[in-house]
Structures are given as C-alpha cells and as structure tokens.
Amino acid sequence: NVCLFVFCSTLALSLFIKNDEPLLTYLNEDGMSIEPEWYCPIIPTILVNGANGVGTGYSTDIPSYNPLTL
C-alpha cells in the first residue's frame, strides 16, 4: 500500500475560513478521513485561476488575478 499525503500552501489555506471546517462533510477512504466533499472559498476561485472557452455560440475570457489583490 502506498499513501500519498498532500498539504495546502499557506496562501491556499487563506482562501478558506477556519471556522467553517466543522460545517464541512469529509470524505472517507480506507477508513481514513481525507478531504472535504466540497470547499467554500472566500473569493470565487475562477478569478484566481482564470478561464476561457466557447460554448453555444458565446465565448468567455476571464483573466487570472493575484489573490492578494482581490
């Protein structure tokens, strides 16, 4: 068995309110609590990651922004 443990950076953790953690439902894998089923960040992550695409005749282009300036 191989276990992989991943931790968020300090900047990534600042996108989530610590007091919200008890409200989250955590997934369970092999009898071990792993990650939350969903997250609720304090800002829309699409503004951090950006996005572009075309669908049904409409196009979108959302640039990425520095989360510290948002």
C-alpha atoms as a PDB file:
ATOM      1  CA  ASN A   1       0.000   0.000   0.000  1.00  0.00           C
ATOM      2  CA  VAL A   2       1.199   3.461  -0.894  1.00  0.00           C
ATOM      3  CA  CYS A   3      -0.083   6.514   0.962  1.00  0.00           C
ATOM      4  CA  LEU A   4       0.054   9.958  -0.558  1.00  0.00           C
ATOM      5  CA  PHE A   5      -0.331  12.951   1.709  1.00  0.00           C
ATOM      6  CA  VAL A   6      -0.865  16.405   0.227  1.00  0.00           C
ATOM      7  CA  PHE A   7      -0.966  19.666   2.148  1.00  0.00           C
ATOM      8  CA  CYS A   8      -2.196  23.086   1.042  1.00  0.00           C
ATOM      9  CA  SER A   9       0.137  26.069   0.994  1.00  0.00           C
ATOM     10  CA  THR A  10      -0.411  28.920   3.436  1.00  0.00           C
ATOM     11  CA  LEU A  11      -1.767  31.076   0.603  1.00  0.00           C
ATOM     12  CA  ALA A  12      -4.251  28.378  -0.443  1.00  0.00           C
ATOM     13  CA  LEU A  13      -5.415  27.919   3.147  1.00  0.00           C
ATOM     14  CA  SER A  14      -6.054  31.673   3.438  1.00  0.00           C
ATOM     15  CA  LEU A  15      -8.867  31.266   0.861  1.00  0.00           C
ATOM     16  CA  PHE A  16     -10.921  29.287   3.378  1.00  0.00           C
ATOM     17  CA  ILE A  17     -12.359  30.361   6.727  1.00  0.00           C
ATOM     18  CA  LYS A  18     -11.047  28.149   9.536  1.00  0.00           C
ATOM     19  CA  ASN A  19     -14.369  28.448  11.440  1.00  0.00           C
ATOM     20  CA  ASP A  20     -16.187  26.776   8.510  1.00  0.00           C
ATOM     21  CA  GLU A  21     -14.318  23.459   8.968  1.00  0.00           C
ATOM     22  CA  PRO A  22     -16.872  21.904  11.386  1.00  0.00           C
ATOM     23  CA  LEU A  23     -19.588  22.531   8.766  1.00  0.00           C
ATOM     24  CA  LEU A  24     -17.805  20.508   6.069  1.00  0.00           C
ATOM     25  CA  THR A  25     -18.534  16.867   5.289  1.00  0.00           C
ATOM     26  CA  TYR A  26     -15.291  14.906   4.953  1.00  0.00           C
ATOM     27  CA  LEU A  27     -14.823  12.003   2.548  1.00  0.00           C
ATOM     28  CA  ASN A  28     -13.693   8.663   3.927  1.00  0.00           C
ATOM     29  CA  GLU A  29     -11.244   6.390   2.125  1.00  0.00           C
ATOM     30  CA  ASP A  30      -9.944   3.114   3.558  1.00  0.00           C
ATOM     31  CA  GLY A  31     -11.300   4.068   6.984  1.00  0.00           C
ATOM     32  CA  MET A  32      -9.406   7.363   6.927  1.00  0.00           C
ATOM     33  CA  SER A  33     -10.911  10.850   6.800  1.00  0.00           C
ATOM     34  CA  ILE A  34      -9.368  12.554   3.777  1.00  0.00           C
ATOM     35  CA  GLU A  35     -10.603  15.761   2.167  1.00  0.00           C
ATOM     36  CA  PRO A  36     -13.841  17.723   2.406  1.00  0.00           C
ATOM     37  CA  GLU A  37     -16.550  16.833  -0.101  1.00  0.00           C
ATOM     38  CA  TRP A  38     -16.583  20.497  -1.147  1.00  0.00           C
ATOM     39  CA  TYR A  39     -14.911  23.764  -0.170  1.00  0.00           C
ATOM     40  CA  CYS A  40     -16.366  27.242   0.221  1.00  0.00           C
ATOM     41  CA  PRO A  41     -13.640  29.816  -0.532  1.00  0.00           C
ATOM     42  CA  ILE A  42     -13.927  33.482   0.467  1.00  0.00           C
ATOM     43  CA  ILE A  43     -13.447  34.591  -3.168  1.00  0.00           C
ATOM     44  CA  PRO A  44     -14.504  32.955  -6.460  1.00  0.00           C
ATOM     45  CA  THR A  45     -11.567  30.747  -7.475  1.00  0.00           C
ATOM     46  CA  ILE A  46     -12.311  31.374 -11.153  1.00  0.00           C
ATOM     47  CA  LEU A  47     -10.873  34.863 -10.592  1.00  0.00           C
ATOM     48  CA  VAL A  48      -7.620  33.327  -9.331  1.00  0.00           C
ATOM     49  CA  ASN A  49      -7.339  30.584 -11.969  1.00  0.00           C
ATOM     50  CA  GLY A  50      -8.934  32.400 -14.897  1.00  0.00           C
ATOM     51  CA  ALA A  51     -10.892  30.694 -17.666  1.00  0.00           C
ATOM     52  CA  ASN A  52     -11.580  30.874 -21.370  1.00  0.00           C
ATOM     53  CA  GLY A  53     -13.764  28.923 -23.706  1.00  0.00           C
ATOM     54  CA  VAL A  54     -16.562  28.836 -26.250  1.00  0.00           C
ATOM     55  CA  GLY A  55     -19.974  27.280 -25.788  1.00  0.00           C
ATOM     56  CA  THR A  56     -23.288  27.616 -27.636  1.00  0.00           C
ATOM     57  CA  GLY A  57     -22.003  30.485 -29.758  1.00  0.00           C
ATOM     58  CA  TYR A  58     -20.750  32.588 -26.844  1.00  0.00           C
ATOM     59  CA  SER A  59     -17.157  32.980 -25.782  1.00  0.00           C
ATOM     60  CA  THR A  60     -15.659  33.963 -22.467  1.00  0.00           C
ATOM     61  CA  ASP A  61     -12.226  35.072 -21.375  1.00  0.00           C
ATOM     62  CA  ILE A  62     -11.700  35.654 -17.666  1.00  0.00           C
ATOM     63  CA  PRO A  63      -8.120  36.640 -16.838  1.00  0.00           C
ATOM     64  CA  SER A  64      -6.409  35.320 -13.724  1.00  0.00           C
ATOM     65  CA  TYR A  65      -5.786  37.711 -10.842  1.00  0.00           C
ATOM     66  CA  ASN A  66      -3.427  37.735  -7.892  1.00  0.00           C
ATOM     67  CA  PRO A  67      -5.486  36.538  -4.887  1.00  0.00           C
ATOM     68  CA  LEU A  68      -3.696  39.023  -2.619  1.00  0.00           C
ATOM     69  CA  THR A  69      -5.081  41.951  -4.646  1.00  0.00           C
ATOM     70  CA  LEU A  70      -8.623  40.593  -4.742  1.00  0.00           C
END
